[in-house]
PDB file of all heavy atoms in Angstrom:
ATOM      1  N   GLY A   1      10.054 -15.685 -31.420  1.00  0.00           N
ATOM      2  CA  GLY A   1       9.326 -16.791 -32.003  1.00  0.00           C
ATOM      3  C   GLY A   1       8.891 -17.775 -30.955  1.00  0.00           C
ATOM      4  O   GLY A   1       8.927 -17.501 -29.758  1.00  0.00           O
ATOM      5  N   LEU A   2       8.471 -18.929 -31.419  1.00  0.00           N
ATOM      6  CA  LEU A   2       8.027 -20.018 -30.557  1.00  0.00           C
ATOM      7  C   LEU A   2       9.162 -21.005 -30.376  1.00  0.00           C
ATOM      8  O   LEU A   2       9.764 -21.461 -31.351  1.00  0.00           O
ATOM      9  CB  LEU A   2       6.813 -20.713 -31.172  1.00  0.00           C
ATOM     10  CG  LEU A   2       6.267 -21.931 -30.442  1.00  0.00           C
ATOM     11  CD1 LEU A   2       5.733 -21.536 -29.070  1.00  0.00           C
ATOM     12  CD2 LEU A   2       5.177 -22.589 -31.275  1.00  0.00           C
ATOM     13  N   VAL A   3       9.447 -21.325 -29.132  1.00  0.00           N
ATOM     14  CA  VAL A   3      10.534 -22.239 -28.829  1.00  0.00           C
ATOM     15  C   VAL A   3      10.123 -23.161 -27.693  1.00  0.00           C
ATOM     16  O   VAL A   3       9.328 -22.788 -26.826  1.00  0.00           O
ATOM     17  CB  VAL A   3      11.826 -21.467 -28.475  1.00  0.00           C
ATOM     18  CG1 VAL A   3      11.645 -20.666 -27.192  1.00  0.00           C
ATOM     19  CG2 VAL A   3      13.023 -22.394 -28.373  1.00  0.00           C
ATOM     20  N   GLN A   4      10.659 -24.359 -27.703  1.00  0.00           N
ATOM     21  CA  GLN A   4      10.388 -25.320 -26.651  1.00  0.00           C
ATOM     22  C   GLN A   4      11.186 -24.981 -25.400  1.00  0.00           C
ATOM     23  O   GLN A   4      12.288 -24.439 -25.478  1.00  0.00           O
ATOM     24  CB  GLN A   4      10.744 -26.726 -27.135  1.00  0.00           C
ATOM     25  CG  GLN A   4      10.341 -27.848 -26.197  1.00  0.00           C
ATOM     26  CD  GLN A   4      10.699 -29.211 -26.761  1.00  0.00           C
ATOM     27  OE1 GLN A   4      11.608 -29.342 -27.568  1.00  0.00           O
ATOM     28  NE2 GLN A   4       9.983 -30.231 -26.322  1.00  0.00           N
ATOM     29  N   ALA A   5      10.624 -25.286 -24.242  1.00  0.00           N
ATOM     30  CA  ALA A   5      11.348 -25.081 -22.996  1.00  0.00           C
ATOM     31  C   ALA A   5      12.707 -25.764 -23.060  1.00  0.00           C
ATOM     32  O   ALA A   5      12.830 -26.893 -23.532  1.00  0.00           O
ATOM     33  CB  ALA A   5      10.545 -25.614 -21.815  1.00  0.00           C
ATOM     34  N   GLY A   6      13.715 -25.051 -22.586  1.00  0.00           N
ATOM     35  CA  GLY A   6      15.078 -25.541 -22.649  1.00  0.00           C
ATOM     36  C   GLY A   6      15.835 -25.096 -23.881  1.00  0.00           C
ATOM     37  O   GLY A   6      17.060 -25.256 -23.939  1.00  0.00           O
ATOM     38  N   GLY A   7      15.130 -24.526 -24.829  1.00  0.00           N
ATOM     39  CA  GLY A   7      15.750 -24.071 -26.050  1.00  0.00           C
ATOM     40  C   GLY A   7      16.365 -22.697 -25.925  1.00  0.00           C
ATOM     41  O   GLY A   7      16.383 -22.088 -24.852  1.00  0.00           O
ATOM     42  N   SER A   8      16.849 -22.196 -27.053  1.00  0.00           N
ATOM     43  CA  SER A   8      17.541 -20.916 -27.088  1.00  0.00           C
ATOM     44  C   SER A   8      17.021 -20.041 -28.209  1.00  0.00           C
ATOM     45  O   SER A   8      16.544 -20.531 -29.229  1.00  0.00           O
ATOM     46  CB  SER A   8      19.047 -21.127 -27.288  1.00  0.00           C
ATOM     47  OG  SER A   8      19.627 -21.858 -26.222  1.00  0.00           O
ATOM     48  N   LEU A   9      17.131 -18.754 -28.008  1.00  0.00           N
ATOM     49  CA  LEU A   9      16.852 -17.757 -29.022  1.00  0.00           C
ATOM     50  C   LEU A   9      17.853 -16.627 -28.869  1.00  0.00           C
ATOM     51  O   LEU A   9      18.334 -16.363 -27.768  1.00  0.00           O
ATOM     52  CB  LEU A   9      15.443 -17.177 -28.887  1.00  0.00           C
ATOM     53  CG  LEU A   9      14.248 -18.024 -29.297  1.00  0.00           C
ATOM     54  CD1 LEU A   9      12.960 -17.307 -28.908  1.00  0.00           C
ATOM     55  CD2 LEU A   9      14.270 -18.304 -30.787  1.00  0.00           C
ATOM     56  N   ARG A  10      18.149 -15.968 -29.967  1.00  0.00           N
ATOM     57  CA  ARG A  10      18.936 -14.750 -29.915  1.00  0.00           C
ATOM     58  C   ARG A  10      18.131 -13.614 -30.511  1.00  0.00           C
ATOM     59  O   ARG A  10      17.762 -13.656 -31.688  1.00  0.00           O
ATOM     60  CB  ARG A  10      20.266 -14.877 -30.663  1.00  0.00           C
ATOM     61  CG  ARG A  10      21.174 -13.663 -30.421  1.00  0.00           C
ATOM     62  CD  ARG A  10      22.511 -13.754 -31.114  1.00  0.00           C
ATOM     63  NE  ARG A  10      22.409 -13.507 -32.550  1.00  0.00           N
ATOM     64  CZ  ARG A  10      23.436 -13.122 -33.312  1.00  0.00           C
ATOM     65  NH1 ARG A  10      24.637 -12.947 -32.768  1.00  0.00           N
ATOM     66  NH2 ARG A  10      23.257 -12.937 -34.596  1.00  0.00           N
ATOM     67  N   LEU A  11      17.868 -12.615 -29.689  1.00  0.00           N
ATOM     68  CA  LEU A  11      17.171 -11.429 -30.141  1.00  0.00           C
ATOM     69  C   LEU A  11      18.179 -10.394 -30.617  1.00  0.00           C
ATOM     70  O   LEU A  11      19.249 -10.245 -30.034  1.00  0.00           O
ATOM     71  CB  LEU A  11      16.321 -10.831 -29.022  1.00  0.00           C
ATOM     72  CG  LEU A  11      15.308 -11.759 -28.349  1.00  0.00           C
ATOM     73  CD1 LEU A  11      14.493 -10.974 -27.324  1.00  0.00           C
ATOM     74  CD2 LEU A  11      14.408 -12.421 -29.375  1.00  0.00           C
ATOM     75  N   SER A  12      17.813  -9.680 -31.656  1.00  0.00           N
ATOM     76  CA  SER A  12      18.638  -8.604 -32.172  1.00  0.00           C
ATOM     77  C   SER A  12      17.852  -7.307 -32.140  1.00  0.00           C
ATOM     78  O   SER A  12      16.638  -7.297 -32.325  1.00  0.00           O
ATOM     79  CB  SER A  12      19.084  -8.895 -33.608  1.00  0.00           C
ATOM     80  OG  SER A  12      19.896 -10.046 -33.678  1.00  0.00           O
ATOM     81  N   CYS A  13      18.556  -6.231 -31.906  1.00  0.00           N
ATOM     82  CA  CYS A  13      17.977  -4.896 -31.917  1.00  0.00           C
ATOM     83  C   CYS A  13      18.812  -4.053 -32.851  1.00  0.00           C
ATOM     84  O   CYS A  13      19.950  -3.686 -32.523  1.00  0.00           O
ATOM     85  CB  CYS A  13      17.959  -4.310 -30.505  1.00  0.00           C
ATOM     86  SG  CYS A  13      17.435  -2.589 -30.407  1.00  0.00           S
ATOM     87  N   ALA A  14      18.274  -3.770 -34.017  1.00  0.00           N
ATOM     88  CA  ALA A  14      18.984  -3.000 -35.023  1.00  0.00           C
ATOM     89  C   ALA A  14      18.547  -1.545 -34.966  1.00  0.00           C
ATOM     90  O   ALA A  14      17.350  -1.248 -34.974  1.00  0.00           O
ATOM     91  CB  ALA A  14      18.724  -3.577 -36.411  1.00  0.00           C
ATOM     92  N   ALA A  15      19.504  -0.656 -34.907  1.00  0.00           N
ATOM     93  CA  ALA A  15      19.225   0.768 -34.839  1.00  0.00           C
ATOM     94  C   ALA A  15      19.460   1.424 -36.191  1.00  0.00           C
ATOM     95  O   ALA A  15      20.361   1.043 -36.939  1.00  0.00           O
ATOM     96  CB  ALA A  15      20.100   1.439 -33.786  1.00  0.00           C
ATOM     97  N   SER A  16      18.635   2.413 -36.478  1.00  0.00           N
ATOM     98  CA  SER A  16      18.796   3.195 -37.694  1.00  0.00           C
ATOM     99  C   SER A  16      18.453   4.648 -37.396  1.00  0.00           C
ATOM    100  O   SER A  16      17.843   4.956 -36.376  1.00  0.00           O
ATOM    101  CB  SER A  16      17.911   2.659 -38.822  1.00  0.00           C
ATOM    102  OG  SER A  16      16.537   2.729 -38.472  1.00  0.00           O
ATOM    103  N   GLY A  17      18.849   5.529 -38.280  1.00  0.00           N
ATOM    104  CA  GLY A  17      18.579   6.942 -38.084  1.00  0.00           C
ATOM    105  C   GLY A  17      19.539   7.629 -37.139  1.00  0.00           C
ATOM    106  O   GLY A  17      19.394   8.821 -36.854  1.00  0.00           O
ATOM    107  N   GLY A  18      20.504   6.905 -36.633  1.00  0.00           N
ATOM    108  CA  GLY A  18      21.476   7.437 -35.709  1.00  0.00           C
ATOM    109  C   GLY A  18      22.273   6.314 -35.094  1.00  0.00           C
ATOM    110  O   GLY A  18      21.869   5.153 -35.145  1.00  0.00           O
ATOM    111  N   THR A  19      23.382   6.655 -34.501  1.00  0.00           N
ATOM    112  CA  THR A  19      24.222   5.652 -33.860  1.00  0.00           C
ATOM    113  C   THR A  19      23.839   5.493 -32.400  1.00  0.00           C
ATOM    114  O   THR A  19      23.361   6.429 -31.757  1.00  0.00           O
ATOM    115  CB  THR A  19      25.707   6.019 -33.962  1.00  0.00           C
ATOM    116  OG1 THR A  19      25.953   7.249 -33.254  1.00  0.00           O
ATOM    117  CG2 THR A  19      26.122   6.188 -35.415  1.00  0.00           C
ATOM    118  N   ILE A  20      24.077   4.301 -31.870  1.00  0.00           N
ATOM    119  CA  ILE A  20      23.784   4.016 -30.473  1.00  0.00           C
ATOM    120  C   ILE A  20      25.055   3.903 -29.657  1.00  0.00           C
ATOM    121  O   ILE A  20      25.020   3.471 -28.505  1.00  0.00           O
ATOM    122  CB  ILE A  20      22.956   2.721 -30.319  1.00  0.00           C
ATOM    123  CG1 ILE A  20      23.737   1.519 -30.870  1.00  0.00           C
ATOM    124  CG2 ILE A  20      21.610   2.860 -31.017  1.00  0.00           C
ATOM    125  CD1 ILE A  20      23.091   0.180 -30.546  1.00  0.00           C
ATOM    126  N   ASN A  21      26.175   4.305 -30.228  1.00  0.00           N
ATOM    127  CA  ASN A  21      27.460   4.083 -29.578  1.00  0.00           C
ATOM    128  C   ASN A  21      27.626   4.836 -28.277  1.00  0.00           C
ATOM    129  O   ASN A  21      28.501   4.491 -27.476  1.00  0.00           O
ATOM    130  CB  ASN A  21      28.602   4.417 -30.547  1.00  0.00           C
ATOM    131  CG  ASN A  21      28.645   5.881 -30.930  1.00  0.00           C
ATOM    132  OD1 ASN A  21      29.307   6.682 -30.285  1.00  0.00           O
ATOM    133  ND2 ASN A  21      27.928   6.242 -31.979  1.00  0.00           N
ATOM    134  N   THR A  22      26.827   5.859 -28.044  1.00  0.00           N
ATOM    135  CA  THR A  22      26.908   6.616 -26.795  1.00  0.00           C
ATOM    136  C   THR A  22      25.776   6.278 -25.828  1.00  0.00           C
ATOM    137  O   THR A  22      25.702   6.874 -24.750  1.00  0.00           O
ATOM    138  CB  THR A  22      26.891   8.128 -27.052  1.00  0.00           C
ATOM    139  OG1 THR A  22      25.640   8.511 -27.632  1.00  0.00           O
ATOM    140  CG2 THR A  22      28.025   8.528 -27.983  1.00  0.00           C
ATOM    141  N   TYR A  23      24.925   5.344 -26.184  1.00  0.00           N
ATOM    142  CA  TYR A  23      23.726   5.072 -25.404  1.00  0.00           C
ATOM    143  C   TYR A  23      23.847   3.811 -24.568  1.00  0.00           C
ATOM    144  O   TYR A  23      24.301   2.773 -25.054  1.00  0.00           O
ATOM    145  CB  TYR A  23      22.517   4.901 -26.314  1.00  0.00           C
ATOM    146  CG  TYR A  23      22.194   6.069 -27.203  1.00  0.00           C
ATOM    147  CD1 TYR A  23      21.536   5.862 -28.408  1.00  0.00           C
ATOM    148  CD2 TYR A  23      22.533   7.357 -26.850  1.00  0.00           C
ATOM    149  CE1 TYR A  23      21.220   6.916 -29.238  1.00  0.00           C
ATOM    150  CE2 TYR A  23      22.228   8.430 -27.680  1.00  0.00           C
ATOM    151  CZ  TYR A  23      21.569   8.199 -28.878  1.00  0.00           C
ATOM    152  OH  TYR A  23      21.261   9.251 -29.698  1.00  0.00           O
ATOM    153  N   THR A  24      23.412   3.907 -23.324  1.00  0.00           N
ATOM    154  CA  THR A  24      23.112   2.710 -22.565  1.00  0.00           C
ATOM    155  C   THR A  24      21.879   2.056 -23.179  1.00  0.00           C
ATOM    156  O   THR A  24      20.913   2.739 -23.516  1.00  0.00           O
ATOM    157  CB  THR A  24      22.853   3.047 -21.092  1.00  0.00           C
ATOM    158  OG1 THR A  24      24.059   3.541 -20.501  1.00  0.00           O
ATOM    159  CG2 THR A  24      22.380   1.826 -20.316  1.00  0.00           C
ATOM    160  N   MET A  25      21.918   0.739 -23.325  1.00  0.00           N
ATOM    161  CA  MET A  25      20.831   0.010 -23.960  1.00  0.00           C
ATOM    162  C   MET A  25      20.248  -1.018 -22.998  1.00  0.00           C
ATOM    163  O   MET A  25      20.963  -1.579 -22.169  1.00  0.00           O
ATOM    164  CB  MET A  25      21.324  -0.709 -25.218  1.00  0.00           C
ATOM    165  CG  MET A  25      21.977   0.200 -26.251  1.00  0.00           C
ATOM    166  SD  MET A  25      20.803   1.346 -27.025  1.00  0.00           S
ATOM    167  CE  MET A  25      19.740   0.195 -27.913  1.00  0.00           C
TER     168      MET A  25
END
């Protein structure tokens, strides 16, 4: 999204169709 300089954001990456437990991300 849009954020002011100095602010914070948290990005999420949701996986489906399989597990990512064995993958480097």
